[in-house]
């Protein structure tokens, strides 16, 4: 057990972050207090943190790192896998064939089955949103097609 110097509560050692300089290799304050302290500091220095983030993300090498991390974390594919899919689709949306992603950046959305996680292809934001709004249900899409054809 160790007592936090801020909240004065006795807590298990796992509740304290590591600190090479601290006595016994642990921080003097618990993780909860440290988190609150950092959040307060961040709010008090919001402009400084926002400027730093913008500068960091503006660097091309960092943007690629974040994108690669996101693709791996969310879809379990690498940046090379994405690039191969993009090349196989000739740089176009798999549904409408546009070369414009329609999003904030130049990258297409990775379309995947929300049940199985299987990746189907790369879509522009309009097509990806459309499929999502129809809940990946082919019957709903067929009904929508019939509706549109009836009212043309």
C-alpha atoms as a PDB file:
ATOM      1  CA  UNK A   1       0.000   0.000   0.000  1.00  0.00           C
ATOM      2  CA  UNK A   2       1.086   3.550  -0.714  1.00  0.00           C
ATOM      3  CA  UNK A   3      -0.493   6.872   0.258  1.00  0.00           C
ATOM      4  CA  UNK A   4      -1.133   9.523  -2.380  1.00  0.00           C
ATOM      5  CA  UNK A   5       0.337  12.882  -1.368  1.00  0.00           C
ATOM      6  CA  UNK A   6      -2.533  14.747  -3.027  1.00  0.00           C
ATOM      7  CA  UNK A   7      -5.744  12.930  -2.037  1.00  0.00           C
ATOM      8  CA  UNK A   8      -4.153  11.344   1.066  1.00  0.00           C
ATOM      9  CA  UNK A   9      -5.761   7.980   0.335  1.00  0.00           C
ATOM     10  CA  UNK A  10      -3.918   4.705   0.830  1.00  0.00           C
ATOM     11  CA  UNK A  11      -4.005   2.765  -2.424  1.00  0.00           C
ATOM     12  CA  UNK A  12      -2.455  -0.345  -3.924  1.00  0.00           C
ATOM     13  CA  UNK A  13       0.863   0.160  -5.697  1.00  0.00           C
ATOM     14  CA  UNK A  14      -0.764  -0.487  -9.107  1.00  0.00           C
ATOM     15  CA  UNK A  15      -2.633   2.830  -8.656  1.00  0.00           C
ATOM     16  CA  UNK A  16       0.641   4.779  -8.963  1.00  0.00           C
ATOM     17  CA  UNK A  17       2.525   5.524 -12.156  1.00  0.00           C
ATOM     18  CA  UNK A  18       6.221   4.782 -12.528  1.00  0.00           C
ATOM     19  CA  UNK A  19       8.822   7.476 -11.924  1.00  0.00           C
ATOM     20  CA  UNK A  20      12.514   6.624 -12.155  1.00  0.00           C
ATOM     21  CA  UNK A  21      13.417   9.630 -10.007  1.00  0.00           C
ATOM     22  CA  UNK A  22      10.859   8.974  -7.274  1.00  0.00           C
ATOM     23  CA  UNK A  23      11.412   6.977  -4.148  1.00  0.00           C
ATOM     24  CA  UNK A  24      10.758   3.289  -4.783  1.00  0.00           C
ATOM     25  CA  UNK A  25      10.326   4.064  -8.516  1.00  0.00           C
ATOM     26  CA  UNK A  26       6.737   5.301  -8.189  1.00  0.00           C
ATOM     27  CA  UNK A  27       5.070   8.705  -8.449  1.00  0.00           C
ATOM     28  CA  UNK A  28       4.053  10.440  -5.250  1.00  0.00           C
ATOM     29  CA  UNK A  29       0.481  11.003  -6.463  1.00  0.00           C
ATOM     30  CA  UNK A  30      -1.919   8.350  -7.710  1.00  0.00           C
ATOM     31  CA  UNK A  31      -2.964   7.912 -11.343  1.00  0.00           C
ATOM     32  CA  UNK A  32      -6.409   9.412 -10.689  1.00  0.00           C
ATOM     33  CA  UNK A  33      -4.973  12.590  -9.168  1.00  0.00           C
ATOM     34  CA  UNK A  34      -2.334  12.811 -11.908  1.00  0.00           C
ATOM     35  CA  UNK A  35      -5.040  12.521 -14.572  1.00  0.00           C
ATOM     36  CA  UNK A  36      -7.071  15.294 -12.910  1.00  0.00           C
ATOM     37  CA  UNK A  37      -3.947  17.446 -12.612  1.00  0.00           C
ATOM     38  CA  UNK A  38      -3.070  16.960 -16.282  1.00  0.00           C
ATOM     39  CA  UNK A  39      -6.648  17.631 -17.429  1.00  0.00           C
ATOM     40  CA  UNK A  40      -6.708  20.897 -15.467  1.00  0.00           C
ATOM     41  CA  UNK A  41      -3.321  21.875 -16.913  1.00  0.00           C
ATOM     42  CA  UNK A  42      -4.488  21.056 -20.424  1.00  0.00           C
ATOM     43  CA  UNK A  43      -7.672  23.106 -20.043  1.00  0.00           C
ATOM     44  CA  UNK A  44      -5.705  26.043 -18.616  1.00  0.00           C
ATOM     45  CA  UNK A  45      -3.311  25.878 -21.603  1.00  0.00           C
ATOM     46  CA  UNK A  46      -5.802  24.917 -24.310  1.00  0.00           C
ATOM     47  CA  UNK A  47      -4.334  27.166 -27.032  1.00  0.00           C
ATOM     48  CA  UNK A  48      -0.826  25.853 -26.417  1.00  0.00           C
ATOM     49  CA  UNK A  49      -1.977  22.219 -26.691  1.00  0.00           C
ATOM     50  CA  UNK A  50      -4.092  22.935 -29.804  1.00  0.00           C
ATOM     51  CA  UNK A  51      -1.187  24.705 -31.535  1.00  0.00           C
ATOM     52  CA  UNK A  52       1.140  21.831 -30.721  1.00  0.00           C
ATOM     53  CA  UNK A  53      -1.353  19.266 -32.077  1.00  0.00           C
ATOM     54  CA  UNK A  54      -1.898  21.193 -35.303  1.00  0.00           C
ATOM     55  CA  UNK A  55       1.843  21.497 -35.892  1.00  0.00           C
ATOM     56  CA  UNK A  56       2.394  17.822 -35.113  1.00  0.00           C
ATOM     57  CA  UNK A  57      -0.363  16.585 -37.441  1.00  0.00           C
ATOM     58  CA  UNK A  58       0.768  19.004 -40.185  1.00  0.00           C
ATOM     59  CA  UNK A  59       4.029  17.094 -40.565  1.00  0.00           C
ATOM     60  CA  UNK A  60       3.557  14.525 -43.349  1.00  0.00           C
ATOM     61  CA  UNK A  61       5.517  11.803 -41.549  1.00  0.00           C
ATOM     62  CA  UNK A  62       3.243  12.102 -38.495  1.00  0.00           C
ATOM     63  CA  UNK A  63       0.066  12.063 -40.585  1.00  0.00           C
ATOM     64  CA  UNK A  64       1.238   8.831 -42.240  1.00  0.00           C
ATOM     65  CA  UNK A  65       2.089   7.301 -38.841  1.00  0.00           C
ATOM     66  CA  UNK A  66      -1.349   8.135 -37.459  1.00  0.00           C
ATOM     67  CA  UNK A  67      -3.115   6.853 -40.574  1.00  0.00           C
ATOM     68  CA  UNK A  68      -1.127   3.620 -40.515  1.00  0.00           C
ATOM     69  CA  UNK A  69      -1.869   3.165 -36.819  1.00  0.00           C
ATOM     70  CA  UNK A  70      -5.568   3.815 -37.354  1.00  0.00           C
ATOM     71  CA  UNK A  71      -5.838   1.375 -40.272  1.00  0.00           C
ATOM     72  CA  UNK A  72      -4.095  -1.322 -38.245  1.00  0.00           C
ATOM     73  CA  UNK A  73      -6.110  -0.689 -35.099  1.00  0.00           C
ATOM     74  CA  UNK A  74      -9.539  -0.334 -36.678  1.00  0.00           C
ATOM     75  CA  UNK A  75      -9.367  -2.637 -39.703  1.00  0.00           C
ATOM     76  CA  UNK A  76      -6.314  -4.839 -39.057  1.00  0.00           C
ATOM     77  CA  UNK A  77      -4.688  -3.807 -42.347  1.00  0.00           C
ATOM     78  CA  UNK A  78      -1.423  -2.044 -43.060  1.00  0.00           C
ATOM     79  CA  UNK A  79      -0.876   1.104 -45.064  1.00  0.00           C
ATOM     80  CA  UNK A  80       0.555  -1.134 -47.807  1.00  0.00           C
ATOM     81  CA  UNK A  81      -2.676  -3.202 -47.798  1.00  0.00           C
ATOM     82  CA  UNK A  82      -4.690   0.013 -48.223  1.00  0.00           C
ATOM     83  CA  UNK A  83      -2.410   1.184 -51.047  1.00  0.00           C
ATOM     84  CA  UNK A  84      -2.773  -2.200 -52.807  1.00  0.00           C
ATOM     85  CA  UNK A  85      -6.579  -1.998 -52.565  1.00  0.00           C
ATOM     86  CA  UNK A  86      -6.462   1.577 -53.863  1.00  0.00           C
ATOM     87  CA  UNK A  87      -4.307   0.505 -56.837  1.00  0.00           C
ATOM     88  CA  UNK A  88      -6.557  -2.514 -57.550  1.00  0.00           C
ATOM     89  CA  UNK A  89      -9.560  -0.147 -57.674  1.00  0.00           C
ATOM     90  CA  UNK A  90      -7.576   2.194 -59.971  1.00  0.00           C
ATOM     91  CA  UNK A  91      -7.898   5.020 -57.433  1.00  0.00           C
ATOM     92  CA  UNK A  92     -11.699   5.079 -57.647  1.00  0.00           C
ATOM     93  CA  UNK A  93     -14.652   4.394 -55.384  1.00  0.00           C
ATOM     94  CA  UNK A  94     -15.689   0.723 -55.692  1.00  0.00           C
ATOM     95  CA  UNK A  95     -19.356   1.692 -56.198  1.00  0.00           C
ATOM     96  CA  UNK A  96     -19.667   4.985 -58.109  1.00  0.00           C
ATOM     97  CA  UNK A  97     -16.191   5.132 -59.645  1.00  0.00           C
ATOM     98  CA  UNK A  98     -15.381   8.693 -58.576  1.00  0.00           C
ATOM     99  CA  UNK A  99     -11.774   9.628 -57.897  1.00  0.00           C
ATOM    100  CA  UNK A 100     -12.836  12.206 -55.297  1.00  0.00           C
ATOM    101  CA  UNK A 101     -13.072  10.770 -51.780  1.00  0.00           C
ATOM    102  CA  UNK A 102     -15.566  13.470 -50.835  1.00  0.00           C
ATOM    103  CA  UNK A 103     -14.098  13.684 -47.355  1.00  0.00           C
ATOM    104  CA  UNK A 104     -11.765  16.051 -45.558  1.00  0.00           C
ATOM    105  CA  UNK A 105      -8.649  14.310 -46.866  1.00  0.00           C
ATOM    106  CA  UNK A 106      -7.803  12.520 -50.087  1.00  0.00           C
ATOM    107  CA  UNK A 107      -8.328   9.032 -48.663  1.00  0.00           C
ATOM    108  CA  UNK A 108     -11.293   6.772 -49.326  1.00  0.00           C
ATOM    109  CA  UNK A 109     -13.206   5.072 -46.520  1.00  0.00           C
ATOM    110  CA  UNK A 110     -12.496   1.411 -45.805  1.00  0.00           C
ATOM    111  CA  UNK A 111     -15.838  -0.339 -46.258  1.00  0.00           C
ATOM    112  CA  UNK A 112     -16.283  -3.391 -44.066  1.00  0.00           C
ATOM    113  CA  UNK A 113     -18.998  -5.691 -42.784  1.00  0.00           C
ATOM    114  CA  UNK A 114     -19.848  -4.637 -39.241  1.00  0.00           C
ATOM    115  CA  UNK A 115     -20.822  -8.202 -38.340  1.00  0.00           C
ATOM    116  CA  UNK A 116     -17.837 -10.151 -39.648  1.00  0.00           C
ATOM    117  CA  UNK A 117     -15.259  -7.375 -39.978  1.00  0.00           C
ATOM    118  CA  UNK A 118     -14.454  -8.472 -43.544  1.00  0.00           C
ATOM    119  CA  UNK A 119     -13.197  -5.596 -45.690  1.00  0.00           C
ATOM    120  CA  UNK A 120     -15.145  -5.168 -48.918  1.00  0.00           C
ATOM    121  CA  UNK A 121     -13.367  -2.257 -50.589  1.00  0.00           C
ATOM    122  CA  UNK A 122     -12.694   1.468 -50.584  1.00  0.00           C
ATOM    123  CA  UNK A 123     -15.620   3.862 -50.956  1.00  0.00           C
ATOM    124  CA  UNK A 124     -16.141   7.599 -51.265  1.00  0.00           C
ATOM    125  CA  UNK A 125     -17.883   9.198 -48.323  1.00  0.00           C
ATOM    126  CA  UNK A 126     -21.258   9.350 -50.121  1.00  0.00           C
ATOM    127  CA  UNK A 127     -21.343   5.660 -51.004  1.00  0.00           C
ATOM    128  CA  UNK A 128     -20.032   4.604 -47.601  1.00  0.00           C
ATOM    129  CA  UNK A 129     -22.633   6.722 -45.813  1.00  0.00           C
ATOM    130  CA  UNK A 130     -25.377   5.430 -48.110  1.00  0.00           C
ATOM    131  CA  UNK A 131     -24.554   1.798 -47.370  1.00  0.00           C
ATOM    132  CA  UNK A 132     -24.331   2.610 -43.671  1.00  0.00           C
ATOM    133  CA  UNK A 133     -27.714   4.331 -43.696  1.00  0.00           C
ATOM    134  CA  UNK A 134     -29.205   1.217 -45.256  1.00  0.00           C
ATOM    135  CA  UNK A 135     -27.595  -0.832 -42.465  1.00  0.00           C
ATOM    136  CA  UNK A 136     -25.710  -3.066 -44.944  1.00  0.00           C
ATOM    137  CA  UNK A 137     -29.064  -4.670 -45.802  1.00  0.00           C
ATOM    138  CA  UNK A 138     -29.384  -5.728 -49.479  1.00  0.00           C
ATOM    139  CA  UNK A 139     -33.173  -6.064 -49.133  1.00  0.00           C
ATOM    140  CA  UNK A 140     -33.490  -2.425 -48.082  1.00  0.00           C
ATOM    141  CA  UNK A 141     -31.274  -1.359 -50.984  1.00  0.00           C
ATOM    142  CA  UNK A 142     -33.380  -3.398 -53.433  1.00  0.00           C
ATOM    143  CA  UNK A 143     -36.533  -1.768 -52.052  1.00  0.00           C
ATOM    144  CA  UNK A 144     -34.912   1.669 -52.420  1.00  0.00           C
ATOM    145  CA  UNK A 145     -34.003   0.894 -56.044  1.00  0.00           C
ATOM    146  CA  UNK A 146     -37.605  -0.154 -56.774  1.00  0.00           C
ATOM    147  CA  UNK A 147     -38.858   3.022 -55.124  1.00  0.00           C
ATOM    148  CA  UNK A 148     -36.544   5.230 -57.186  1.00  0.00           C
ATOM    149  CA  UNK A 149     -37.425   3.458 -60.453  1.00  0.00           C
ATOM    150  CA  UNK A 150     -41.146   3.812 -59.684  1.00  0.00           C
ATOM    151  CA  UNK A 151     -40.806   7.581 -59.146  1.00  0.00           C
ATOM    152  CA  UNK A 152     -38.562   8.470 -62.098  1.00  0.00           C
END
